[in-house]
C-alpha atoms as a PDB file:
ATOM      1  CA  UNK A   1       8.500 -14.384  56.791  1.00  0.00           C
ATOM      2  CA  UNK A   2       4.707 -14.764  56.774  1.00  0.00           C
ATOM      3  CA  UNK A   3       3.274 -16.888  53.808  1.00  0.00           C
ATOM      4  CA  UNK A   4       1.081 -13.956  52.647  1.00  0.00           C
ATOM      5  CA  UNK A   5       3.989 -11.515  52.441  1.00  0.00           C
ATOM      6  CA  UNK A   6       6.026 -14.001  50.562  1.00  0.00           C
ATOM      7  CA  UNK A   7       3.195 -14.428  48.039  1.00  0.00           C
ATOM      8  CA  UNK A   8       2.936 -10.665  47.548  1.00  0.00           C
ATOM      9  CA  UNK A   9       6.719 -10.271  47.051  1.00  0.00           C
ATOM     10  CA  UNK A  10       6.689 -13.139  44.494  1.00  0.00           C
ATOM     11  CA  UNK A  11       3.748 -11.447  42.684  1.00  0.00           C
ATOM     12  CA  UNK A  12       5.591  -8.179  42.747  1.00  0.00           C
ATOM     13  CA  UNK A  13       8.697  -9.838  41.137  1.00  0.00           C
ATOM     14  CA  UNK A  14       6.557 -11.447  38.398  1.00  0.00           C
ATOM     15  CA  UNK A  15       4.953  -7.930  37.728  1.00  0.00           C
ATOM     16  CA  UNK A  16       8.366  -6.344  37.387  1.00  0.00           C
ATOM     17  CA  UNK A  17       9.522  -9.010  35.144  1.00  0.00           C
ATOM     18  CA  UNK A  18       6.391  -8.854  32.887  1.00  0.00           C
ATOM     19  CA  UNK A  19       6.469  -4.987  32.929  1.00  0.00           C
ATOM     20  CA  UNK A  20      10.149  -5.073  32.028  1.00  0.00           C
ATOM     21  CA  UNK A  21       9.520  -7.447  29.209  1.00  0.00           C
ATOM     22  CA  UNK A  22       6.676  -5.321  27.836  1.00  0.00           C
ATOM     23  CA  UNK A  23       9.071  -2.151  28.045  1.00  0.00           C
ATOM     24  CA  UNK A  24      11.529  -4.009  26.087  1.00  0.00           C
ATOM     25  CA  UNK A  25       9.162  -5.238  23.559  1.00  0.00           C
ATOM     26  CA  UNK A  26       7.715  -1.780  23.023  1.00  0.00           C
ATOM     27  CA  UNK A  27      11.206  -0.248  22.727  1.00  0.00           C
ATOM     28  CA  UNK A  28      12.188  -2.849  20.046  1.00  0.00           C
ATOM     29  CA  UNK A  29       8.914  -2.276  18.161  1.00  0.00           C
ATOM     30  CA  UNK A  30       9.457   1.437  18.120  1.00  0.00           C
ATOM     31  CA  UNK A  31      13.024   1.099  17.056  1.00  0.00           C
ATOM     32  CA  UNK A  32      12.479  -1.576  14.428  1.00  0.00           C
ATOM     33  CA  UNK A  33       9.127  -0.763  12.975  1.00  0.00           C
ATOM     34  CA  UNK A  34      10.627   0.326   9.777  1.00  0.00           C
ATOM     35  CA  UNK A  35      11.916  -3.055   9.273  1.00  0.00           C
ATOM     36  CA  UNK A  36       8.513  -4.687  10.181  1.00  0.00           C
ATOM     37  CA  UNK A  37       6.594  -2.401   7.818  1.00  0.00           C
ATOM     38  CA  UNK A  38       8.930  -2.108   4.747  1.00  0.00           C
ATOM     39  CA  UNK A  39      10.631  -4.926   3.069  1.00  0.00           C
ATOM     40  CA  UNK A  40      12.729  -3.354   0.432  1.00  0.00           C
ATOM     41  CA  UNK A  41      15.120  -5.066  -1.959  1.00  0.00           C
ATOM     42  CA  UNK A  42      17.831  -2.690  -3.415  1.00  0.00           C
ATOM     43  CA  UNK A  43      19.282  -2.786  -6.916  1.00  0.00           C
ATOM     44  CA  UNK A  44      22.474  -1.594  -8.365  1.00  0.00           C
ATOM     45  CA  UNK A  45      22.267   1.877  -9.937  1.00  0.00           C
ATOM     46  CA  UNK A  46      23.322   0.438 -13.296  1.00  0.00           C
ATOM     47  CA  UNK A  47      20.835  -2.501 -13.046  1.00  0.00           C
ATOM     48  CA  UNK A  48      19.056  -3.045 -16.482  1.00  0.00           C
ATOM     49  CA  UNK A  49      15.282  -3.945 -16.318  1.00  0.00           C
ATOM     50  CA  UNK A  50      14.364  -6.602 -18.807  1.00  0.00           C
ATOM     51  CA  UNK A  51      10.668  -6.547 -19.934  1.00  0.00           C
ATOM     52  CA  UNK A  52       9.177  -7.695 -23.226  1.00  0.00           C
ATOM     53  CA  UNK A  53       6.973  -4.750 -23.714  1.00  0.00           C
ATOM     54  CA  UNK A  54       8.080  -1.139 -24.439  1.00  0.00           C
ATOM     55  CA  UNK A  55       8.953   0.996 -21.474  1.00  0.00           C
ATOM     56  CA  UNK A  56      10.794   4.007 -20.258  1.00  0.00           C
ATOM     57  CA  UNK A  57      12.929   4.112 -17.194  1.00  0.00           C
ATOM     58  CA  UNK A  58      13.116   7.483 -15.466  1.00  0.00           C
ATOM     59  CA  UNK A  59      13.952   9.046 -12.132  1.00  0.00           C
ATOM     60  CA  UNK A  60      12.413  12.030 -10.446  1.00  0.00           C
ATOM     61  CA  UNK A  61      14.068  14.187  -7.785  1.00  0.00           C
ATOM     62  CA  UNK A  62      12.234  15.120  -4.575  1.00  0.00           C
ATOM     63  CA  UNK A  63      12.491  18.401  -2.831  1.00  0.00           C
ATOM     64  CA  UNK A  64      14.966  16.817  -0.419  1.00  0.00           C
ATOM     65  CA  UNK A  65      17.158  15.593  -3.012  1.00  0.00           C
ATOM     66  CA  UNK A  66      16.053  12.003  -2.867  1.00  0.00           C
ATOM     67  CA  UNK A  67      16.153  10.222  -6.398  1.00  0.00           C
ATOM     68  CA  UNK A  68      13.058   8.172  -7.061  1.00  0.00           C
ATOM     69  CA  UNK A  69      13.126   5.515  -9.777  1.00  0.00           C
ATOM     70  CA  UNK A  70      10.292   4.535 -11.936  1.00  0.00           C
ATOM     71  CA  UNK A  71       8.982   2.725 -14.902  1.00  0.00           C
ATOM     72  CA  UNK A  72       6.585   3.852 -17.520  1.00  0.00           C
ATOM     73  CA  UNK A  73       5.103   1.130 -19.665  1.00  0.00           C
ATOM     74  CA  UNK A  74       3.859   2.711 -22.904  1.00  0.00           C
ATOM     75  CA  UNK A  75       1.224   1.610 -25.368  1.00  0.00           C
ATOM     76  CA  UNK A  76       0.683   2.945 -29.083  1.00  0.00           C
ATOM     77  CA  UNK A  77      -3.021   3.704 -28.385  1.00  0.00           C
ATOM     78  CA  UNK A  78      -3.812   3.374 -24.877  1.00  0.00           C
ATOM     79  CA  UNK A  79      -7.097   3.493 -23.169  1.00  0.00           C
ATOM     80  CA  UNK A  80      -5.485   5.532 -20.417  1.00  0.00           C
ATOM     81  CA  UNK A  81      -2.853   5.273 -17.717  1.00  0.00           C
ATOM     82  CA  UNK A  82      -2.716   3.597 -14.483  1.00  0.00           C
ATOM     83  CA  UNK A  83      -0.637   5.088 -11.539  1.00  0.00           C
ATOM     84  CA  UNK A  84       0.263   2.045  -9.615  1.00  0.00           C
ATOM     85  CA  UNK A  85       1.449   2.119  -5.997  1.00  0.00           C
ATOM     86  CA  UNK A  86       2.938  -1.201  -4.970  1.00  0.00           C
ATOM     87  CA  UNK A  87       3.160  -3.366  -1.841  1.00  0.00           C
ATOM     88  CA  UNK A  88       5.775  -3.258   0.930  1.00  0.00           C
ATOM     89  CA  UNK A  89       8.231  -5.883  -0.388  1.00  0.00           C
ATOM     90  CA  UNK A  90      10.520  -6.174  -3.364  1.00  0.00           C
ATOM     91  CA  UNK A  91      11.235  -3.636  -6.012  1.00  0.00           C
ATOM     92  CA  UNK A  92      10.512  -2.678  -9.640  1.00  0.00           C
ATOM     93  CA  UNK A  93      12.061  -5.851 -10.941  1.00  0.00           C
ATOM     94  CA  UNK A  94       9.074  -7.590  -9.307  1.00  0.00           C
ATOM     95  CA  UNK A  95       6.328  -4.997  -9.717  1.00  0.00           C
ATOM     96  CA  UNK A  96       7.114  -4.306 -13.255  1.00  0.00           C
ATOM     97  CA  UNK A  97       6.265  -7.928 -13.929  1.00  0.00           C
ATOM     98  CA  UNK A  98       2.999  -7.648 -11.765  1.00  0.00           C
ATOM     99  CA  UNK A  99       1.653  -4.614 -13.761  1.00  0.00           C
ATOM    100  CA  UNK A 100       2.135  -6.488 -17.104  1.00  0.00           C
ATOM    101  CA  UNK A 101      -1.436  -7.660 -16.590  1.00  0.00           C
ATOM    102  CA  UNK A 102      -2.702  -3.978 -17.001  1.00  0.00           C
ATOM    103  CA  UNK A 103      -0.306  -3.442 -19.873  1.00  0.00           C
ATOM    104  CA  UNK A 104      -1.792  -6.242 -21.785  1.00  0.00           C
ATOM    105  CA  UNK A 105      -5.291  -4.734 -21.420  1.00  0.00           C
ATOM    106  CA  UNK A 106      -3.852  -1.899 -23.408  1.00  0.00           C
ATOM    107  CA  UNK A 107      -3.275   0.446 -20.389  1.00  0.00           C
ATOM    108  CA  UNK A 108      -0.088   2.441 -19.856  1.00  0.00           C
ATOM    109  CA  UNK A 109       1.285   2.052 -16.329  1.00  0.00           C
ATOM    110  CA  UNK A 110       3.504   4.098 -14.261  1.00  0.00           C
ATOM    111  CA  UNK A 111       4.843   2.428 -11.182  1.00  0.00           C
ATOM    112  CA  UNK A 112       7.568   3.816  -8.885  1.00  0.00           C
ATOM    113  CA  UNK A 113       9.867   2.562  -6.194  1.00  0.00           C
ATOM    114  CA  UNK A 114       9.510   3.914  -2.687  1.00  0.00           C
ATOM    115  CA  UNK A 115      12.501   5.322  -0.847  1.00  0.00           C
ATOM    116  CA  UNK A 116      15.082   2.490  -0.217  1.00  0.00           C
ATOM    117  CA  UNK A 117      13.496   0.286  -2.747  1.00  0.00           C
ATOM    118  CA  UNK A 118      15.268  -0.820  -5.954  1.00  0.00           C
ATOM    119  CA  UNK A 119      17.454   2.267  -7.059  1.00  0.00           C
ATOM    120  CA  UNK A 120      15.305   4.827  -5.217  1.00  0.00           C
ATOM    121  CA  UNK A 121      17.240   6.821  -2.461  1.00  0.00           C
ATOM    122  CA  UNK A 122      16.369   8.999   0.455  1.00  0.00           C
ATOM    123  CA  UNK A 123      15.172   8.827   4.123  1.00  0.00           C
ATOM    124  CA  UNK A 124      11.755   7.376   4.529  1.00  0.00           C
ATOM    125  CA  UNK A 125       8.941   9.015   6.512  1.00  0.00           C
ATOM    126  CA  UNK A 126       5.147   9.008   5.994  1.00  0.00           C
ATOM    127  CA  UNK A 127       5.261  12.605   4.857  1.00  0.00           C
ATOM    128  CA  UNK A 128       7.982  11.934   2.365  1.00  0.00           C
ATOM    129  CA  UNK A 129       6.217   8.954   0.920  1.00  0.00           C
ATOM    130  CA  UNK A 130       2.892  10.820   0.392  1.00  0.00           C
ATOM    131  CA  UNK A 131       4.966  13.771  -1.093  1.00  0.00           C
ATOM    132  CA  UNK A 132       6.737  11.228  -3.479  1.00  0.00           C
ATOM    133  CA  UNK A 133       3.472   9.646  -4.547  1.00  0.00           C
ATOM    134  CA  UNK A 134       2.137  13.085  -5.479  1.00  0.00           C
ATOM    135  CA  UNK A 135       5.255  13.803  -7.375  1.00  0.00           C
ATOM    136  CA  UNK A 136       4.605  10.890  -9.779  1.00  0.00           C
ATOM    137  CA  UNK A 137       1.011  11.725 -10.153  1.00  0.00           C
ATOM    138  CA  UNK A 138       2.193  15.126 -11.321  1.00  0.00           C
ATOM    139  CA  UNK A 139       4.355  13.538 -13.794  1.00  0.00           C
ATOM    140  CA  UNK A 140       1.377  11.434 -15.275  1.00  0.00           C
ATOM    141  CA  UNK A 141      -0.617  14.760 -15.430  1.00  0.00           C
ATOM    142  CA  UNK A 142       1.823  15.970 -17.924  1.00  0.00           C
ATOM    143  CA  UNK A 143       0.984  13.171 -20.207  1.00  0.00           C
ATOM    144  CA  UNK A 144      -2.734  12.412 -19.497  1.00  0.00           C
ATOM    145  CA  UNK A 145      -5.950  14.218 -18.591  1.00  0.00           C
ATOM    146  CA  UNK A 146      -7.343  13.198 -15.124  1.00  0.00           C
ATOM    147  CA  UNK A 147     -10.238  11.594 -16.839  1.00  0.00           C
ATOM    148  CA  UNK A 148      -7.937   9.092 -18.287  1.00  0.00           C
ATOM    149  CA  UNK A 149      -6.134   8.226 -14.975  1.00  0.00           C
ATOM    150  CA  UNK A 150      -6.874   5.310 -12.705  1.00  0.00           C
ATOM    151  CA  UNK A 151      -5.114   5.283  -9.394  1.00  0.00           C
ATOM    152  CA  UNK A 152      -4.396   1.610  -8.143  1.00  0.00           C
ATOM    153  CA  UNK A 153      -2.973   0.780  -4.650  1.00  0.00           C
ATOM    154  CA  UNK A 154      -1.970  -2.576  -3.634  1.00  0.00           C
ATOM    155  CA  UNK A 155      -1.578  -3.594   0.061  1.00  0.00           C
ATOM    156  CA  UNK A 156       0.808  -0.783   1.660  1.00  0.00           C
ATOM    157  CA  UNK A 157       0.332   1.036  -1.572  1.00  0.00           C
ATOM    158  CA  UNK A 158      -3.367   1.430  -0.878  1.00  0.00           C
ATOM    159  CA  UNK A 159      -2.617   4.131   1.640  1.00  0.00           C
ATOM    160  CA  UNK A 160      -0.478   6.070  -0.932  1.00  0.00           C
ATOM    161  CA  UNK A 161      -3.252   5.574  -3.614  1.00  0.00           C
ATOM    162  CA  UNK A 162      -6.034   6.737  -1.149  1.00  0.00           C
ATOM    163  CA  UNK A 163      -4.083   9.780  -0.099  1.00  0.00           C
ATOM    164  CA  UNK A 164      -3.380  10.731  -3.883  1.00  0.00           C
ATOM    165  CA  UNK A 165      -7.174  10.193  -4.761  1.00  0.00           C
ATOM    166  CA  UNK A 166      -8.113  12.515  -1.915  1.00  0.00           C
ATOM    167  CA  UNK A 167      -5.768  15.352  -3.284  1.00  0.00           C
ATOM    168  CA  UNK A 168      -6.707  14.988  -6.948  1.00  0.00           C
ATOM    169  CA  UNK A 169      -9.536  13.892  -9.269  1.00  0.00           C
ATOM    170  CA  UNK A 170      -8.684  10.579 -11.065  1.00  0.00           C
ATOM    171  CA  UNK A 171     -11.192   8.622 -13.021  1.00  0.00           C
ATOM    172  CA  UNK A 172     -11.321   5.757 -10.453  1.00  0.00           C
ATOM    173  CA  UNK A 173      -9.599   4.693  -7.346  1.00  0.00           C
ATOM    174  CA  UNK A 174      -8.889   0.811  -7.198  1.00  0.00           C
ATOM    175  CA  UNK A 175      -7.598  -0.699  -3.980  1.00  0.00           C
ATOM    176  CA  UNK A 176      -6.316  -4.336  -3.743  1.00  0.00           C
ATOM    177  CA  UNK A 177      -6.087  -5.718  -0.164  1.00  0.00           C
ATOM    178  CA  UNK A 178      -6.340  -2.417   1.600  1.00  0.00           C
ATOM    179  CA  UNK A 179      -6.455  -1.728   5.361  1.00  0.00           C
ATOM    180  CA  UNK A 180      -8.464   0.826   7.470  1.00  0.00           C
ATOM    181  CA  UNK A 181      -5.287   2.182   8.936  1.00  0.00           C
ATOM    182  CA  UNK A 182      -1.900   0.817  10.065  1.00  0.00           C
ATOM    183  CA  UNK A 183      -3.025   0.606  13.814  1.00  0.00           C
ATOM    184  CA  UNK A 184      -5.899  -1.603  12.697  1.00  0.00           C
ATOM    185  CA  UNK A 185      -3.326  -4.234  11.301  1.00  0.00           C
ATOM    186  CA  UNK A 186      -0.728  -3.985  14.040  1.00  0.00           C
ATOM    187  CA  UNK A 187      -3.169  -4.427  16.915  1.00  0.00           C
ATOM    188  CA  UNK A 188      -4.004  -7.785  15.495  1.00  0.00           C
ATOM    189  CA  UNK A 189      -0.351  -8.756  15.944  1.00  0.00           C
ATOM    190  CA  UNK A 190       0.488  -6.975  19.189  1.00  0.00           C
ATOM    191  CA  UNK A 191      -2.780  -6.838  21.006  1.00  0.00           C
ATOM    192  CA  UNK A 192      -1.295  -6.008  24.350  1.00  0.00           C
ATOM    193  CA  UNK A 193       0.713  -2.960  23.403  1.00  0.00           C
ATOM    194  CA  UNK A 194      -0.301   0.665  23.312  1.00  0.00           C
ATOM    195  CA  UNK A 195       0.471   0.935  19.525  1.00  0.00           C
ATOM    196  CA  UNK A 196      -1.188   4.316  18.896  1.00  0.00           C
ATOM    197  CA  UNK A 197       1.587   6.062  20.781  1.00  0.00           C
ATOM    198  CA  UNK A 198       4.374   3.655  19.344  1.00  0.00           C
ATOM    199  CA  UNK A 199       3.646   3.877  15.556  1.00  0.00           C
ATOM    200  CA  UNK A 200       5.631   6.424  13.693  1.00  0.00           C
ATOM    201  CA  UNK A 201       3.484   5.567  10.633  1.00  0.00           C
ATOM    202  CA  UNK A 202      -0.383   6.039  10.715  1.00  0.00           C
ATOM    203  CA  UNK A 203      -1.507   5.502   7.087  1.00  0.00           C
ATOM    204  CA  UNK A 204      -5.017   6.483   8.145  1.00  0.00           C
ATOM    205  CA  UNK A 205      -6.678   5.693   5.016  1.00  0.00           C
ATOM    206  CA  UNK A 206     -10.041   6.105   6.349  1.00  0.00           C
ATOM    207  CA  UNK A 207      -9.341   9.678   6.915  1.00  0.00           C
ATOM    208  CA  UNK A 208      -8.289  10.207   3.346  1.00  0.00           C
ATOM    209  CA  UNK A 209     -11.355   8.549   2.102  1.00  0.00           C
ATOM    210  CA  UNK A 210     -13.518  11.264   3.451  1.00  0.00           C
ATOM    211  CA  UNK A 211     -11.987  13.496   0.671  1.00  0.00           C
ATOM    212  CA  UNK A 212     -12.118  11.144  -2.189  1.00  0.00           C
ATOM    213  CA  UNK A 213     -14.498  12.133  -4.857  1.00  0.00           C
ATOM    214  CA  UNK A 214     -13.777   9.455  -7.498  1.00  0.00           C
ATOM    215  CA  UNK A 215     -15.650   6.154  -7.742  1.00  0.00           C
ATOM    216  CA  UNK A 216     -14.023   3.613  -5.530  1.00  0.00           C
ATOM    217  CA  UNK A 217     -13.486  -0.227  -6.012  1.00  0.00           C
ATOM    218  CA  UNK A 218     -12.185  -2.441  -3.219  1.00  0.00           C
ATOM    219  CA  UNK A 219     -10.996  -6.093  -4.020  1.00  0.00           C
ATOM    220  CA  UNK A 220     -10.193  -8.317  -1.042  1.00  0.00           C
ATOM    221  CA  UNK A 221      -9.984 -12.105  -0.456  1.00  0.00           C
ATOM    222  CA  UNK A 222     -11.498 -14.045   2.550  1.00  0.00           C
ATOM    223  CA  UNK A 223      -8.376 -15.901   3.362  1.00  0.00           C
ATOM    224  CA  UNK A 224      -5.916 -12.873   3.416  1.00  0.00           C
ATOM    225  CA  UNK A 225      -3.847 -13.454   6.517  1.00  0.00           C
ATOM    226  CA  UNK A 226      -1.732 -10.314   6.068  1.00  0.00           C
ATOM    227  CA  UNK A 227      -4.485  -7.757   5.751  1.00  0.00           C
ATOM    228  CA  UNK A 228      -7.605  -9.567   6.995  1.00  0.00           C
ATOM    229  CA  UNK A 229     -10.930  -8.917   5.091  1.00  0.00           C
ATOM    230  CA  UNK A 230     -12.521  -7.216   8.024  1.00  0.00           C
ATOM    231  CA  UNK A 231      -9.921  -4.346   7.848  1.00  0.00           C
ATOM    232  CA  UNK A 232     -10.925  -3.909   4.244  1.00  0.00           C
ATOM    233  CA  UNK A 233     -14.565  -4.044   4.978  1.00  0.00           C
ATOM    234  CA  UNK A 234     -14.063  -1.549   7.773  1.00  0.00           C
ATOM    235  CA  UNK A 235     -12.383   0.790   5.281  1.00  0.00           C
ATOM    236  CA  UNK A 236     -15.289   0.286   2.733  1.00  0.00           C
ATOM    237  CA  UNK A 237     -17.806   1.131   5.363  1.00  0.00           C
ATOM    238  CA  UNK A 238     -16.003   4.384   6.105  1.00  0.00           C
ATOM    239  CA  UNK A 239     -16.511   5.646   2.641  1.00  0.00           C
ATOM    240  CA  UNK A 240     -19.157   8.263   2.265  1.00  0.00           C
ATOM    241  CA  UNK A 241     -21.655   8.302  -0.618  1.00  0.00           C
ATOM    242  CA  UNK A 242     -22.728   5.459  -2.948  1.00  0.00           C
ATOM    243  CA  UNK A 243     -19.954   5.530  -5.648  1.00  0.00           C
ATOM    244  CA  UNK A 244     -18.140   2.598  -4.078  1.00  0.00           C
ATOM    245  CA  UNK A 245     -17.878  -1.238  -4.693  1.00  0.00           C
ATOM    246  CA  UNK A 246     -16.607  -3.947  -2.461  1.00  0.00           C
ATOM    247  CA  UNK A 247     -15.590  -7.146  -4.449  1.00  0.00           C
ATOM    248  CA  UNK A 248     -15.091 -10.092  -1.851  1.00  0.00           C
ATOM    249  CA  UNK A 249     -13.171 -12.997  -3.421  1.00  0.00           C
ATOM    250  CA  UNK A 250     -13.881 -16.347  -1.743  1.00  0.00           C
ATOM    251  CA  UNK A 251     -10.647 -18.141  -1.109  1.00  0.00           C
ATOM    252  CA  UNK A 252      -8.548 -15.136  -2.178  1.00  0.00           C
ATOM    253  CA  UNK A 253      -5.330 -14.694  -0.089  1.00  0.00           C
ATOM    254  CA  UNK A 254      -3.079 -11.601   0.043  1.00  0.00           C
ATOM    255  CA  UNK A 255      -0.986 -12.083  -3.267  1.00  0.00           C
ATOM    256  CA  UNK A 256      -3.170 -14.224  -5.529  1.00  0.00           C
ATOM    257  CA  UNK A 257      -6.306 -12.383  -6.474  1.00  0.00           C
ATOM    258  CA  UNK A 258      -5.430 -12.207  -9.949  1.00  0.00           C
ATOM    259  CA  UNK A 259      -5.914 -15.953 -10.214  1.00  0.00           C
ATOM    260  CA  UNK A 260      -9.668 -15.803  -9.305  1.00  0.00           C
ATOM    261  CA  UNK A 261     -12.441 -15.123 -11.783  1.00  0.00           C
ATOM    262  CA  UNK A 262     -14.087 -12.634  -9.448  1.00  0.00           C
ATOM    263  CA  UNK A 263     -11.093 -10.408  -9.790  1.00  0.00           C
ATOM    264  CA  UNK A 264     -10.606 -10.996 -13.484  1.00  0.00           C
ATOM    265  CA  UNK A 265     -14.241 -10.287 -14.269  1.00  0.00           C
ATOM    266  CA  UNK A 266     -14.173  -6.907 -12.168  1.00  0.00           C
ATOM    267  CA  UNK A 267     -10.965  -5.904 -14.001  1.00  0.00           C
ATOM    268  CA  UNK A 268     -12.493  -6.556 -17.348  1.00  0.00           C
ATOM    269  CA  UNK A 269     -15.171  -3.948 -16.512  1.00  0.00           C
ATOM    270  CA  UNK A 270     -12.983  -1.516 -14.803  1.00  0.00           C
ATOM    271  CA  UNK A 271     -10.257  -1.533 -17.595  1.00  0.00           C
ATOM    272  CA  UNK A 272     -12.962  -1.204 -20.326  1.00  0.00           C
ATOM    273  CA  UNK A 273     -12.351  -4.551 -21.805  1.00  0.00           C
ATOM    274  CA  UNK A 274     -15.910  -5.561 -21.325  1.00  0.00           C
ATOM    275  CA  UNK A 275     -19.073  -3.421 -20.921  1.00  0.00           C
ATOM    276  CA  UNK A 276     -21.244  -3.417 -17.778  1.00  0.00           C
END
């Protein structure tokens, strides 16, 4: 067999192997993307939360019958309420502790667990997550005027928070470590794959931003390796109008912004603890 033909056949075999490998990776990514995006921790239905401040545990039922567990931290004379959409890992045992920062500033907080997290049940989809997020916003509207509501999203929860702010009129939208859309994050990890056709979840925050009428504050660290700063900056640049602020925190990572004076200073202003 001529040498040229042997080389061609060898390259063809390599191409088949590489192509088959890519198809396998694409298939696995499509099948298991829920496990890559969502990292829930379940809780027994009889689990009792233990927090040192007053709170009410409650459950809302979605239209499809899913039961969604939540905590409402109460204050005697609150400055308002924060509707908090948490990140992609853990459950209310963790996030109930995280939001104590806001409770200590004399704000009530309502924080829900997504489907499959903690005690919450139901089949997950992007449409269902957004519908659930609105369901809890409606719950808050029964107790507070919109002028008293801050919508806060963290990491994955920034997509829910932005969607909710685009459909309603809260006093402020606060986003901690947000992303432009899910594709923007996924392509950094899988640059060779046609992700737009593979992703079942889009979380197109930049699109929702076009309908947000509330003032917007974005907080992002320079050392965030989960959601890089450039994705948050890209989202910020997509926001129309001038009622927006980007707080870049030097040295801040994905889960430690509360440890930095830049974050604390901004929160003092946003939560009305300190005048501008």
